[in-house]
Amino acid sequence: MASGNTQIIPYSPVPPPSSSSRSTQQFAYEVFLSFRGEDTRYGFIGHLYEALKSHGIHTFRDDNELERGGVIASDLQKAIEESKIFVIILSPNYANSRWCLDELVEISQRQRLILPIFYPC
């Protein structure tokens, strides 16, 4: 039972689209982390990433997976396309970043599970 302002929402997977090619899609990443670097990169995101990794969950975070010198926009778009679940870390400056908002639009166009985390809560 939840107390205070905490709300527990039962997990319910999003049904796959009707296309047979979509239902058999293999994902490169189980989780994609979307976050504002200046708010969370060296604290919360680092700990969350390590926890997911230690449990065998293949996770994408931009500073760990993008090739140096690559085209960031296309690399991020590809990572979004190849991710199964999206964890959005909504920190105080997340919405101030045009990059984060563009990333969020790209994520919201997928028919996949999106888990928002409000940080700090």
PDB file of N, CA and C in Angstrom:
ATOM      1  N   MET A   1       0.831  -1.181   0.000  1.00  0.00           N
ATOM      2  CA  MET A   1       0.000   0.000   0.000  1.00  0.00           C
ATOM      3  C   MET A   1       0.871   1.238   0.000  1.00  0.00           C
ATOM      4  N   ALA A   2       0.562   2.196  -0.818  1.00  0.00           N
ATOM      5  CA  ALA A   2       1.333   3.426  -0.922  1.00  0.00           C
ATOM      6  C   ALA A   2       0.945   4.398   0.178  1.00  0.00           C
ATOM      7  N   SER A   3       1.898   5.212   0.587  1.00  0.00           N
ATOM      8  CA  SER A   3       1.601   6.204   1.607  1.00  0.00           C
ATOM      9  C   SER A   3       2.059   7.567   1.124  1.00  0.00           C
ATOM     10  N   GLY A   4       1.516   8.631   1.732  1.00  0.00           N
ATOM     11  CA  GLY A   4       1.909   9.986   1.352  1.00  0.00           C
ATOM     12  C   GLY A   4       1.588  10.273  -0.092  1.00  0.00           C
ATOM     13  N   ASN A   5       2.565  10.839  -0.791  1.00  0.00           N
ATOM     14  CA  ASN A   5       2.389  11.195  -2.197  1.00  0.00           C
ATOM     15  C   ASN A   5       2.830  10.104  -3.158  1.00  0.00           C
ATOM     16  N   THR A   6       3.251   8.967  -2.628  1.00  0.00           N
ATOM     17  CA  THR A   6       3.728   7.885  -3.478  1.00  0.00           C
ATOM     18  C   THR A   6       2.555   7.111  -4.050  1.00  0.00           C
ATOM     19  N   GLN A   7       2.611   6.867  -5.324  1.00  0.00           N
ATOM     20  CA  GLN A   7       1.561   6.104  -5.978  1.00  0.00           C
ATOM     21  C   GLN A   7       2.198   4.915  -6.674  1.00  0.00           C
ATOM     22  N   ILE A   8       1.700   3.732  -6.414  1.00  0.00           N
ATOM     23  CA  ILE A   8       2.205   2.526  -7.054  1.00  0.00           C
ATOM     24  C   ILE A   8       1.260   2.162  -8.184  1.00  0.00           C
ATOM     25  N   ILE A   9       1.831   2.067  -9.374  1.00  0.00           N
ATOM     26  CA  ILE A   9       1.034   1.741 -10.555  1.00  0.00           C
ATOM     27  C   ILE A   9       1.465   0.364 -11.029  1.00  0.00           C
ATOM     28  N   PRO A  10       0.544  -0.593 -11.119  1.00  0.00           N
ATOM     29  CA  PRO A  10       0.928  -1.937 -11.571  1.00  0.00           C
ATOM     30  C   PRO A  10       1.438  -1.902 -13.004  1.00  0.00           C
ATOM     31  N   TYR A  11       2.446  -2.732 -13.269  1.00  0.00           N
ATOM     32  CA  TYR A  11       3.028  -2.826 -14.601  1.00  0.00           C
ATOM     33  C   TYR A  11       2.061  -3.535 -15.530  1.00  0.00           C
ATOM     34  N   SER A  12       1.833  -2.945 -16.668  1.00  0.00           N
ATOM     35  CA  SER A  12       0.998  -3.554 -17.695  1.00  0.00           C
ATOM     36  C   SER A  12       1.667  -3.290 -19.032  1.00  0.00           C
ATOM     37  N   PRO A  13       2.250  -4.305 -19.642  1.00  0.00           N
ATOM     38  CA  PRO A  13       2.974  -4.071 -20.895  1.00  0.00           C
ATOM     39  C   PRO A  13       2.067  -3.539 -21.991  1.00  0.00           C
ATOM     40  N   VAL A  14       2.619  -2.666 -22.801  1.00  0.00           N
ATOM     41  CA  VAL A  14       1.883  -2.120 -23.940  1.00  0.00           C
ATOM     42  C   VAL A  14       1.791  -3.210 -24.993  1.00  0.00           C
ATOM     43  N   PRO A  15       0.570  -3.514 -25.478  1.00  0.00           N
ATOM     44  CA  PRO A  15       0.474  -4.556 -26.499  1.00  0.00           C
ATOM     45  C   PRO A  15       1.212  -4.137 -27.756  1.00  0.00           C
ATOM     46  N   PRO A  16       1.898  -5.083 -28.400  1.00  0.00           N
ATOM     47  CA  PRO A  16       2.631  -4.748 -29.618  1.00  0.00           C
ATOM     48  C   PRO A  16       1.670  -4.378 -30.738  1.00  0.00           C
ATOM     49  N   PRO A  17       2.124  -3.536 -31.676  1.00  0.00           N
ATOM     50  CA  PRO A  17       1.288  -3.211 -32.827  1.00  0.00           C
ATOM     51  C   PRO A  17       0.924  -4.476 -33.590  1.00  0.00           C
ATOM     52  N   SER A  18      -0.117  -4.391 -34.392  1.00  0.00           N
ATOM     53  CA  SER A  18      -0.636  -5.570 -35.080  1.00  0.00           C
ATOM     54  C   SER A  18       0.308  -6.117 -36.149  1.00  0.00           C
ATOM     55  N   SER A  19       1.220  -5.314 -36.633  1.00  0.00           N
ATOM     56  CA  SER A  19       2.145  -5.771 -37.668  1.00  0.00           C
ATOM     57  C   SER A  19       3.004  -6.922 -37.156  1.00  0.00           C
ATOM     58  N   SER A  20       3.079  -7.993 -37.940  1.00  0.00           N
ATOM     59  CA  SER A  20       3.845  -9.161 -37.516  1.00  0.00           C
ATOM     60  C   SER A  20       5.337  -8.854 -37.442  1.00  0.00           C
ATOM     61  N   SER A  21       5.837  -7.963 -38.296  1.00  0.00           N
ATOM     62  CA  SER A  21       7.261  -7.621 -38.239  1.00  0.00           C
ATOM     63  C   SER A  21       7.577  -6.879 -36.957  1.00  0.00           C
ATOM     64  N   ARG A  22       6.634  -6.107 -36.461  1.00  0.00           N
ATOM     65  CA  ARG A  22       6.825  -5.336 -35.236  1.00  0.00           C
ATOM     66  C   ARG A  22       6.769  -6.245 -34.016  1.00  0.00           C
ATOM     67  N   SER A  23       5.920  -7.254 -34.049  1.00  0.00           N
ATOM     68  CA  SER A  23       5.750  -8.114 -32.885  1.00  0.00           C
ATOM     69  C   SER A  23       6.957  -9.019 -32.657  1.00  0.00           C
ATOM     70  N   THR A  24       7.778  -9.204 -33.667  1.00  0.00           N
ATOM     71  CA  THR A  24       8.956 -10.047 -33.516  1.00  0.00           C
ATOM     72  C   THR A  24      10.242  -9.225 -33.432  1.00  0.00           C
ATOM     73  N   GLN A  25      10.116  -7.913 -33.281  1.00  0.00           N
ATOM     74  CA  GLN A  25      11.274  -7.031 -33.252  1.00  0.00           C
ATOM     75  C   GLN A  25      12.198  -7.366 -32.086  1.00  0.00           C
ATOM     76  N   GLN A  26      13.475  -7.407 -32.370  1.00  0.00           N
ATOM     77  CA  GLN A  26      14.496  -7.574 -31.347  1.00  0.00           C
ATOM     78  C   GLN A  26      15.049  -6.192 -31.020  1.00  0.00           C
ATOM     79  N   PHE A  27      15.231  -5.921 -29.746  1.00  0.00           N
ATOM     80  CA  PHE A  27      15.721  -4.616 -29.316  1.00  0.00           C
ATOM     81  C   PHE A  27      17.196  -4.701 -28.938  1.00  0.00           C
ATOM     82  N   ALA A  28      17.956  -3.681 -29.294  1.00  0.00           N
ATOM     83  CA  ALA A  28      19.370  -3.611 -28.917  1.00  0.00           C
ATOM     84  C   ALA A  28      19.511  -3.265 -27.438  1.00  0.00           C
ATOM     85  N   TYR A  29      18.563  -2.470 -26.915  1.00  0.00           N
ATOM     86  CA  TYR A  29      18.594  -2.038 -25.519  1.00  0.00           C
ATOM     87  C   TYR A  29      17.276  -2.383 -24.845  1.00  0.00           C
ATOM     88  N   GLU A  30      17.379  -2.839 -23.619  1.00  0.00           N
ATOM     89  CA  GLU A  30      16.157  -3.072 -22.841  1.00  0.00           C
ATOM     90  C   GLU A  30      15.625  -1.759 -22.289  1.00  0.00           C
ATOM     91  N   VAL A  31      16.530  -0.854 -21.906  1.00  0.00           N
ATOM     92  CA  VAL A  31      16.139   0.423 -21.305  1.00  0.00           C
ATOM     93  C   VAL A  31      16.924   1.559 -21.953  1.00  0.00           C
ATOM     94  N   PHE A  32      16.218   2.666 -22.205  1.00  0.00           N
ATOM     95  CA  PHE A  32      16.826   3.906 -22.691  1.00  0.00           C
ATOM     96  C   PHE A  32      16.621   4.954 -21.608  1.00  0.00           C
ATOM     97  N   LEU A  33      17.710   5.561 -21.123  1.00  0.00           N
ATOM     98  CA  LEU A  33      17.611   6.605 -20.109  1.00  0.00           C
ATOM     99  C   LEU A  33      17.626   7.972 -20.779  1.00  0.00           C
ATOM    100  N   SER A  34      16.584   8.757 -20.520  1.00  0.00           N
ATOM    101  CA  SER A  34      16.511  10.126 -21.023  1.00  0.00           C
ATOM    102  C   SER A  34      16.634  11.061 -19.830  1.00  0.00           C
ATOM    103  N   PHE A  35      17.616  11.979 -19.889  1.00  0.00           N
ATOM    104  CA  PHE A  35      17.870  12.838 -18.730  1.00  0.00           C
ATOM    105  C   PHE A  35      18.582  14.110 -19.147  1.00  0.00           C
ATOM    106  N   ARG A  36      18.524  15.124 -18.278  1.00  0.00           N
ATOM    107  CA  ARG A  36      19.284  16.364 -18.480  1.00  0.00           C
ATOM    108  C   ARG A  36      20.618  16.185 -17.786  1.00  0.00           C
ATOM    109  N   GLY A  37      21.682  16.131 -18.554  1.00  0.00           N
ATOM    110  CA  GLY A  37      23.007  15.822 -18.039  1.00  0.00           C
ATOM    111  C   GLY A  37      23.446  16.680 -16.872  1.00  0.00           C
ATOM    112  N   GLU A  38      23.263  17.981 -16.978  1.00  0.00           N
ATOM    113  CA  GLU A  38      23.756  18.871 -15.920  1.00  0.00           C
ATOM    114  C   GLU A  38      23.058  18.633 -14.590  1.00  0.00           C
ATOM    115  N   ASP A  39      21.868  18.067 -14.597  1.00  0.00           N
ATOM    116  CA  ASP A  39      21.121  17.820 -13.361  1.00  0.00           C
ATOM    117  C   ASP A  39      21.473  16.487 -12.710  1.00  0.00           C
ATOM    118  N   THR A  40      21.724  15.473 -13.532  1.00  0.00           N
ATOM    119  CA  THR A  40      21.752  14.116 -12.974  1.00  0.00           C
ATOM    120  C   THR A  40      22.882  13.206 -13.435  1.00  0.00           C
ATOM    121  N   ARG A  41      23.663  13.595 -14.420  1.00  0.00           N
ATOM    122  CA  ARG A  41      24.625  12.686 -15.057  1.00  0.00           C
ATOM    123  C   ARG A  41      25.580  12.022 -14.071  1.00  0.00           C
ATOM    124  N   TYR A  42      26.175  12.772 -13.163  1.00  0.00           N
ATOM    125  CA  TYR A  42      27.218  12.211 -12.301  1.00  0.00           C
ATOM    126  C   TYR A  42      26.709  11.772 -10.934  1.00  0.00           C
ATOM    127  N   GLY A  43      25.422  11.804 -10.726  1.00  0.00           N
ATOM    128  CA  GLY A  43      24.858  11.353  -9.462  1.00  0.00           C
ATOM    129  C   GLY A  43      23.816  10.275  -9.692  1.00  0.00           C
ATOM    130  N   PHE A  44      22.589  10.705  -9.791  1.00  0.00           N
ATOM    131  CA  PHE A  44      21.459   9.785  -9.898  1.00  0.00           C
ATOM    132  C   PHE A  44      21.590   8.850 -11.105  1.00  0.00           C
ATOM    133  N   ILE A  45      21.879   9.400 -12.279  1.00  0.00           N
ATOM    134  CA  ILE A  45      21.962   8.578 -13.497  1.00  0.00           C
ATOM    135  C   ILE A  45      23.082   7.555 -13.385  1.00  0.00           C
ATOM    136  N   GLY A  46      24.201   7.960 -12.846  1.00  0.00           N
ATOM    137  CA  GLY A  46      25.310   7.026 -12.674  1.00  0.00           C
ATOM    138  C   GLY A  46      24.925   5.844 -11.803  1.00  0.00           C
ATOM    139  N   HIS A  47      24.246   6.129 -10.699  1.00  0.00           N
ATOM    140  CA  HIS A  47      23.813   5.057  -9.796  1.00  0.00           C
ATOM    141  C   HIS A  47      22.743   4.175 -10.435  1.00  0.00           C
ATOM    142  N   LEU A  48      21.773   4.805 -11.114  1.00  0.00           N
ATOM    143  CA  LEU A  48      20.704   4.046 -11.766  1.00  0.00           C
ATOM    144  C   LEU A  48      21.284   3.153 -12.866  1.00  0.00           C
ATOM    145  N   TYR A  49      22.170   3.708 -13.674  1.00  0.00           N
ATOM    146  CA  TYR A  49      22.786   2.948 -14.759  1.00  0.00           C
ATOM    147  C   TYR A  49      23.548   1.736 -14.211  1.00  0.00           C
ATOM    148  N   GLU A  50      24.337   1.938 -13.175  1.00  0.00           N
ATOM    149  CA  GLU A  50      25.109   0.845 -12.582  1.00  0.00           C
ATOM    150  C   GLU A  50      24.198  -0.220 -11.973  1.00  0.00           C
ATOM    151  N   ALA A  51      23.098   0.198 -11.351  1.00  0.00           N
ATOM    152  CA  ALA A  51      22.151  -0.757 -10.767  1.00  0.00           C
ATOM    153  C   ALA A  51      21.496  -1.604 -11.852  1.00  0.00           C
ATOM    154  N   LEU A  52      21.069  -0.970 -12.939  1.00  0.00           N
ATOM    155  CA  LEU A  52      20.463  -1.712 -14.049  1.00  0.00           C
ATOM    156  C   LEU A  52      21.484  -2.679 -14.655  1.00  0.00           C
ATOM    157  N   LYS A  53      22.687  -2.186 -14.879  1.00  0.00           N
ATOM    158  CA  LYS A  53      23.765  -2.995 -15.457  1.00  0.00           C
ATOM    159  C   LYS A  53      24.087  -4.196 -14.563  1.00  0.00           C
ATOM    160  N   SER A  54      24.127  -3.980 -13.248  1.00  0.00           N
ATOM    161  CA  SER A  54      24.459  -5.077 -12.329  1.00  0.00           C
ATOM    162  C   SER A  54      23.381  -6.154 -12.288  1.00  0.00           C
ATOM    163  N   HIS A  55      22.180  -5.810 -12.747  1.00  0.00           N
ATOM    164  CA  HIS A  55      21.095  -6.788 -12.829  1.00  0.00           C
ATOM    165  C   HIS A  55      20.961  -7.364 -14.240  1.00  0.00           C
ATOM    166  N   GLY A  56      21.950  -7.108 -15.081  1.00  0.00           N
ATOM    167  CA  GLY A  56      21.957  -7.679 -16.426  1.00  0.00           C
ATOM    168  C   GLY A  56      21.021  -6.989 -17.405  1.00  0.00           C
ATOM    169  N   ILE A  57      20.628  -5.761 -17.107  1.00  0.00           N
ATOM    170  CA  ILE A  57      19.713  -5.022 -17.991  1.00  0.00           C
ATOM    171  C   ILE A  57      20.541  -4.123 -18.899  1.00  0.00           C
ATOM    172  N   HIS A  58      20.537  -4.430 -20.211  1.00  0.00           N
ATOM    173  CA  HIS A  58      21.312  -3.659 -21.186  1.00  0.00           C
ATOM    174  C   HIS A  58      20.650  -2.297 -21.353  1.00  0.00           C
ATOM    175  N   THR A  59      21.364  -1.253 -20.949  1.00  0.00           N
ATOM    176  CA  THR A  59      20.801   0.088 -20.850  1.00  0.00           C
ATOM    177  C   THR A  59      21.587   1.077 -21.689  1.00  0.00           C
ATOM    178  N   PHE A  60      20.860   1.958 -22.375  1.00  0.00           N
ATOM    179  CA  PHE A  60      21.482   3.028 -23.147  1.00  0.00           C
ATOM    180  C   PHE A  60      21.470   4.315 -22.332  1.00  0.00           C
ATOM    181  N   ARG A  61      22.635   4.963 -22.247  1.00  0.00           N
ATOM    182  CA  ARG A  61      22.706   6.349 -21.763  1.00  0.00           C
ATOM    183  C   ARG A  61      23.688   7.047 -22.684  1.00  0.00           C
ATOM    184  N   ASP A  62      23.382   8.258 -23.054  1.00  0.00           N
ATOM    185  CA  ASP A  62      24.123   8.921 -24.124  1.00  0.00           C
ATOM    186  C   ASP A  62      25.616   9.033 -23.895  1.00  0.00           C
ATOM    187  N   ASP A  63      26.084   9.301 -22.701  1.00  0.00           N
ATOM    188  CA  ASP A  63      27.517   9.491 -22.510  1.00  0.00           C
ATOM    189  C   ASP A  63      28.287   8.183 -22.462  1.00  0.00           C
ATOM    190  N   ASN A  64      27.588   7.066 -22.470  1.00  0.00           N
ATOM    191  CA  ASN A  64      28.259   5.780 -22.375  1.00  0.00           C
ATOM    192  C   ASN A  64      28.199   4.990 -23.683  1.00  0.00           C
ATOM    193  N   GLU A  65      27.249   5.307 -24.544  1.00  0.00           N
ATOM    194  CA  GLU A  65      27.013   4.478 -25.714  1.00  0.00           C
ATOM    195  C   GLU A  65      27.286   5.163 -27.053  1.00  0.00           C
ATOM    196  N   LEU A  66      27.303   6.478 -27.120  1.00  0.00           N
ATOM    197  CA  LEU A  66      27.512   7.152 -28.399  1.00  0.00           C
ATOM    198  C   LEU A  66      28.994   7.180 -28.754  1.00  0.00           C
ATOM    199  N   GLU A  67      29.298   6.942 -30.015  1.00  0.00           N
ATOM    200  CA  GLU A  67      30.678   6.997 -30.466  1.00  0.00           C
ATOM    201  C   GLU A  67      31.127   8.450 -30.503  1.00  0.00           C
ATOM    202  N   ARG A  68      32.342   8.698 -30.076  1.00  0.00           N
ATOM    203  CA  ARG A  68      32.915  10.046 -30.109  1.00  0.00           C
ATOM    204  C   ARG A  68      32.985  10.515 -31.557  1.00  0.00           C
ATOM    205  N   GLY A  69      32.532  11.744 -31.795  1.00  0.00           N
ATOM    206  CA  GLY A  69      32.608  12.322 -33.125  1.00  0.00           C
ATOM    207  C   GLY A  69      31.475  11.900 -34.040  1.00  0.00           C
ATOM    208  N   GLY A  70      30.583  11.028 -33.558  1.00  0.00           N
ATOM    209  CA  GLY A  70      29.453  10.592 -34.369  1.00  0.00           C
ATOM    210  C   GLY A  70      28.392  11.675 -34.448  1.00  0.00           C
ATOM    211  N   VAL A  71      27.467  11.500 -35.342  1.00  0.00           N
ATOM    212  CA  VAL A  71      26.363  12.436 -35.447  1.00  0.00           C
ATOM    213  C   VAL A  71      25.386  12.092 -34.323  1.00  0.00           C
ATOM    214  N   ILE A  72      25.329  12.970 -33.327  1.00  0.00           N
ATOM    215  CA  ILE A  72      24.557  12.665 -32.121  1.00  0.00           C
ATOM    216  C   ILE A  72      23.079  12.466 -32.431  1.00  0.00           C
ATOM    217  N   ALA A  73      22.500  13.324 -33.237  1.00  0.00           N
ATOM    218  CA  ALA A  73      21.070  13.229 -33.505  1.00  0.00           C
ATOM    219  C   ALA A  73      20.700  11.873 -34.104  1.00  0.00           C
ATOM    220  N   SER A  74      21.431  11.418 -35.101  1.00  0.00           N
ATOM    221  CA  SER A  74      21.088  10.150 -35.732  1.00  0.00           C
ATOM    222  C   SER A  74      21.414   8.974 -34.812  1.00  0.00           C
ATOM    223  N   ASP A  75      22.504   9.079 -34.027  1.00  0.00           N
ATOM    224  CA  ASP A  75      22.840   8.019 -33.073  1.00  0.00           C
ATOM    225  C   ASP A  75      21.756   7.887 -32.008  1.00  0.00           C
ATOM    226  N   LEU A  76      21.283   9.022 -31.495  1.00  0.00           N
ATOM    227  CA  LEU A  76      20.224   8.980 -30.481  1.00  0.00           C
ATOM    228  C   LEU A  76      18.923   8.438 -31.068  1.00  0.00           C
ATOM    229  N   GLN A  77      18.576   8.872 -32.256  1.00  0.00           N
ATOM    230  CA  GLN A  77      17.357   8.386 -32.885  1.00  0.00           C
ATOM    231  C   GLN A  77      17.427   6.873 -33.082  1.00  0.00           C
ATOM    232  N   LYS A  78      18.573   6.376 -33.499  1.00  0.00           N
ATOM    233  CA  LYS A  78      18.739   4.935 -33.685  1.00  0.00           C
ATOM    234  C   LYS A  78      18.605   4.203 -32.351  1.00  0.00           C
ATOM    235  N   ALA A  79      19.201   4.741 -31.299  1.00  0.00           N
ATOM    236  CA  ALA A  79      19.107   4.123 -29.975  1.00  0.00           C
ATOM    237  C   ALA A  79      17.662   4.115 -29.484  1.00  0.00           C
ATOM    238  N   ILE A  80      16.917   5.182 -29.760  1.00  0.00           N
ATOM    239  CA  ILE A  80      15.502   5.235 -29.377  1.00  0.00           C
ATOM    240  C   ILE A  80      14.721   4.160 -30.123  1.00  0.00           C
ATOM    241  N   GLU A  81      14.956   4.040 -31.423  1.00  0.00           N
ATOM    242  CA  GLU A  81      14.273   3.027 -32.229  1.00  0.00           C
ATOM    243  C   GLU A  81      14.568   1.618 -31.731  1.00  0.00           C
ATOM    244  N   GLU A  82      15.769   1.416 -31.194  1.00  0.00           N
ATOM    245  CA  GLU A  82      16.209   0.086 -30.787  1.00  0.00           C
ATOM    246  C   GLU A  82      16.043  -0.186 -29.296  1.00  0.00           C
ATOM    247  N   SER A  83      15.242   0.641 -28.604  1.00  0.00           N
ATOM    248  CA  SER A  83      15.037   0.466 -27.166  1.00  0.00           C
ATOM    249  C   SER A  83      13.624  -0.008 -26.866  1.00  0.00           C
ATOM    250  N   LYS A  84      13.520  -0.866 -25.872  1.00  0.00           N
ATOM    251  CA  LYS A  84      12.246  -1.482 -25.504  1.00  0.00           C
ATOM    252  C   LYS A  84      11.462  -0.634 -24.499  1.00  0.00           C
ATOM    253  N   ILE A  85      12.140  -0.103 -23.494  1.00  0.00           N
ATOM    254  CA  ILE A  85      11.503   0.659 -22.417  1.00  0.00           C
ATOM    255  C   ILE A  85      12.245   1.976 -22.267  1.00  0.00           C
ATOM    256  N   PHE A  86      11.502   3.044 -21.974  1.00  0.00           N
ATOM    257  CA  PHE A  86      12.099   4.359 -21.797  1.00  0.00           C
ATOM    258  C   PHE A  86      11.899   4.831 -20.364  1.00  0.00           C
ATOM    259  N   VAL A  87      12.996   5.237 -19.720  1.00  0.00           N
ATOM    260  CA  VAL A  87      12.931   5.819 -18.384  1.00  0.00           C
ATOM    261  C   VAL A  87      13.307   7.285 -18.546  1.00  0.00           C
ATOM    262  N   ILE A  88      12.355   8.158 -18.253  1.00  0.00           N
ATOM    263  CA  ILE A  88      12.545   9.597 -18.402  1.00  0.00           C
ATOM    264  C   ILE A  88      12.774  10.178 -17.011  1.00  0.00           C
ATOM    265  N   ILE A  89      13.935  10.781 -16.782  1.00  0.00           N
ATOM    266  CA  ILE A  89      14.251  11.398 -15.507  1.00  0.00           C
ATOM    267  C   ILE A  89      13.877  12.876 -15.625  1.00  0.00           C
ATOM    268  N   LEU A  90      12.745  13.230 -15.039  1.00  0.00           N
ATOM    269  CA  LEU A  90      12.237  14.599 -15.119  1.00  0.00           C
ATOM    270  C   LEU A  90      12.826  15.410 -13.962  1.00  0.00           C
ATOM    271  N   SER A  91      13.953  16.041 -14.228  1.00  0.00           N
ATOM    272  CA  SER A  91      14.664  16.850 -13.237  1.00  0.00           C
ATOM    273  C   SER A  91      14.279  18.319 -13.426  1.00  0.00           C
ATOM    274  N   PRO A  92      14.692  19.182 -12.508  1.00  0.00           N
ATOM    275  CA  PRO A  92      14.283  20.592 -12.585  1.00  0.00           C
ATOM    276  C   PRO A  92      14.553  21.275 -13.926  1.00  0.00           C
ATOM    277  N   ASN A  93      15.652  20.953 -14.604  1.00  0.00           N
ATOM    278  CA  ASN A  93      15.993  21.624 -15.862  1.00  0.00           C
ATOM    279  C   ASN A  93      15.720  20.805 -17.112  1.00  0.00           C
ATOM    280  N   TYR A  94      15.060  19.654 -16.968  1.00  0.00           N
ATOM    281  CA  TYR A  94      14.800  18.789 -18.123  1.00  0.00           C
ATOM    282  C   TYR A  94      14.045  19.547 -19.215  1.00  0.00           C
ATOM    283  N   ALA A  95      12.973  20.230 -18.840  1.00  0.00           N
ATOM    284  CA  ALA A  95      12.135  20.914 -19.825  1.00  0.00           C
ATOM    285  C   ALA A  95      12.779  22.186 -20.373  1.00  0.00           C
ATOM    286  N   ASN A  96      13.878  22.634 -19.774  1.00  0.00           N
ATOM    287  CA  ASN A  96      14.591  23.803 -20.286  1.00  0.00           C
ATOM    288  C   ASN A  96      15.518  23.447 -21.440  1.00  0.00           C
ATOM    289  N   SER A  97      15.670  22.166 -21.698  1.00  0.00           N
ATOM    290  CA  SER A  97      16.574  21.715 -22.747  1.00  0.00           C
ATOM    291  C   SER A  97      15.796  21.361 -24.008  1.00  0.00           C
ATOM    292  N   ARG A  98      16.080  22.058 -25.076  1.00  0.00           N
ATOM    293  CA  ARG A  98      15.441  21.765 -26.363  1.00  0.00           C
ATOM    294  C   ARG A  98      15.783  20.339 -26.796  1.00  0.00           C
ATOM    295  N   TRP A  99      17.035  19.926 -26.526  1.00  0.00           N
ATOM    296  CA  TRP A  99      17.489  18.582 -26.875  1.00  0.00           C
ATOM    297  C   TRP A  99      16.648  17.531 -26.156  1.00  0.00           C
ATOM    298  N   CYS A 100      16.428  17.714 -24.841  1.00  0.00           N
ATOM    299  CA  CYS A 100      15.629  16.761 -24.064  1.00  0.00           C
ATOM    300  C   CYS A 100      14.194  16.704 -24.580  1.00  0.00           C
ATOM    301  N   LEU A 101      13.633  17.860 -24.906  1.00  0.00           N
ATOM    302  CA  LEU A 101      12.252  17.890 -25.387  1.00  0.00           C
ATOM    303  C   LEU A 101      12.130  17.220 -26.755  1.00  0.00           C
ATOM    304  N   ASP A 102      13.109  17.437 -27.630  1.00  0.00           N
ATOM    305  CA  ASP A 102      13.094  16.763 -28.933  1.00  0.00           C
ATOM    306  C   ASP A 102      13.201  15.250 -28.749  1.00  0.00           C
ATOM    307  N   GLU A 103      14.055  14.845 -27.820  1.00  0.00           N
ATOM    308  CA  GLU A 103      14.215  13.422 -27.510  1.00  0.00           C
ATOM    309  C   GLU A 103      12.899  12.845 -26.985  1.00  0.00           C
ATOM    310  N   LEU A 104      12.226  13.595 -26.119  1.00  0.00           N
ATOM    311  CA  LEU A 104      10.956  13.145 -25.555  1.00  0.00           C
ATOM    312  C   LEU A 104       9.876  12.999 -26.632  1.00  0.00           C
ATOM    313  N   VAL A 105       9.852  13.903 -27.590  1.00  0.00           N
ATOM    314  CA  VAL A 105       8.901  13.793 -28.709  1.00  0.00           C
ATOM    315  C   VAL A 105       9.172  12.507 -29.486  1.00  0.00           C
ATOM    316  N   GLU A 106      10.437  12.253 -29.769  1.00  0.00           N
ATOM    317  CA  GLU A 106      10.835  11.043 -30.500  1.00  0.00           C
ATOM    318  C   GLU A 106      10.404   9.788 -29.734  1.00  0.00           C
ATOM    319  N   ILE A 107      10.617   9.793 -28.421  1.00  0.00           N
ATOM    320  CA  ILE A 107      10.248   8.654 -27.573  1.00  0.00           C
ATOM    321  C   ILE A 107       8.739   8.459 -27.548  1.00  0.00           C
ATOM    322  N   SER A 108       7.999   9.547 -27.425  1.00  0.00           N
ATOM    323  CA  SER A 108       6.540   9.447 -27.295  1.00  0.00           C
ATOM    324  C   SER A 108       5.868   8.914 -28.560  1.00  0.00           C
ATOM    325  N   GLN A 109       6.566   8.935 -29.679  1.00  0.00           N
ATOM    326  CA  GLN A 109       6.007   8.419 -30.927  1.00  0.00           C
ATOM    327  C   GLN A 109       6.086   6.900 -31.012  1.00  0.00           C
ATOM    328  N   ARG A 110       6.769   6.282 -30.083  1.00  0.00           N
ATOM    329  CA  ARG A 110       6.871   4.822 -30.049  1.00  0.00           C
ATOM    330  C   ARG A 110       5.725   4.268 -29.211  1.00  0.00           C
ATOM    331  N   GLN A 111       5.266   3.101 -29.541  1.00  0.00           N
ATOM    332  CA  GLN A 111       4.219   2.452 -28.748  1.00  0.00           C
ATOM    333  C   GLN A 111       4.869   1.490 -27.770  1.00  0.00           C
ATOM    334  N   ARG A 112       5.599   2.096 -26.818  1.00  0.00           N
ATOM    335  CA  ARG A 112       6.335   1.300 -25.837  1.00  0.00           C
ATOM    336  C   ARG A 112       6.158   1.895 -24.454  1.00  0.00           C
ATOM    337  N   LEU A 113       6.593   1.143 -23.483  1.00  0.00           N
ATOM    338  CA  LEU A 113       6.457   1.563 -22.093  1.00  0.00           C
ATOM    339  C   LEU A 113       7.366   2.743 -21.787  1.00  0.00           C
ATOM    340  N   ILE A 114       6.789   3.794 -21.173  1.00  0.00           N
ATOM    341  CA  ILE A 114       7.526   4.969 -20.727  1.00  0.00           C
ATOM    342  C   ILE A 114       7.333   5.091 -19.223  1.00  0.00           C
ATOM    343  N   LEU A 115       8.455   5.117 -18.492  1.00  0.00           N
ATOM    344  CA  LEU A 115       8.412   5.236 -17.030  1.00  0.00           C
ATOM    345  C   LEU A 115       9.023   6.567 -16.626  1.00  0.00           C
ATOM    346  N   PRO A 116       8.199   7.523 -16.163  1.00  0.00           N
ATOM    347  CA  PRO A 116       8.751   8.796 -15.714  1.00  0.00           C
ATOM    348  C   PRO A 116       9.233   8.700 -14.273  1.00  0.00           C
ATOM    349  N   ILE A 117      10.360   9.348 -13.994  1.00  0.00           N
ATOM    350  CA  ILE A 117      10.870   9.469 -12.630  1.00  0.00           C
ATOM    351  C   ILE A 117      11.042  10.959 -12.365  1.00  0.00           C
ATOM    352  N   PHE A 118      10.407  11.443 -11.322  1.00  0.00           N
ATOM    353  CA  PHE A 118      10.525  12.849 -10.961  1.00  0.00           C
ATOM    354  C   PHE A 118      11.686  12.981  -9.979  1.00  0.00           C
ATOM    355  N   TYR A 119      12.739  13.730 -10.377  1.00  0.00           N
ATOM    356  CA  TYR A 119      13.943  13.845  -9.570  1.00  0.00           C
ATOM    357  C   TYR A 119      14.340  15.308  -9.422  1.00  0.00           C
ATOM    358  N   PRO A 120      14.623  15.795  -8.243  1.00  0.00           N
ATOM    359  CA  PRO A 120      14.359  15.108  -6.983  1.00  0.00           C
ATOM    360  C   PRO A 120      12.870  15.158  -6.681  1.00  0.00           C
ATOM    361  N   CYS A 121      12.420  14.161  -5.945  1.00  0.00           N
ATOM    362  CA  CYS A 121      10.971  14.094  -5.660  1.00  0.00           C
ATOM    363  C   CYS A 121      10.589  14.869  -4.430  1.00  0.00           C
TER     364      CYS A 121
END
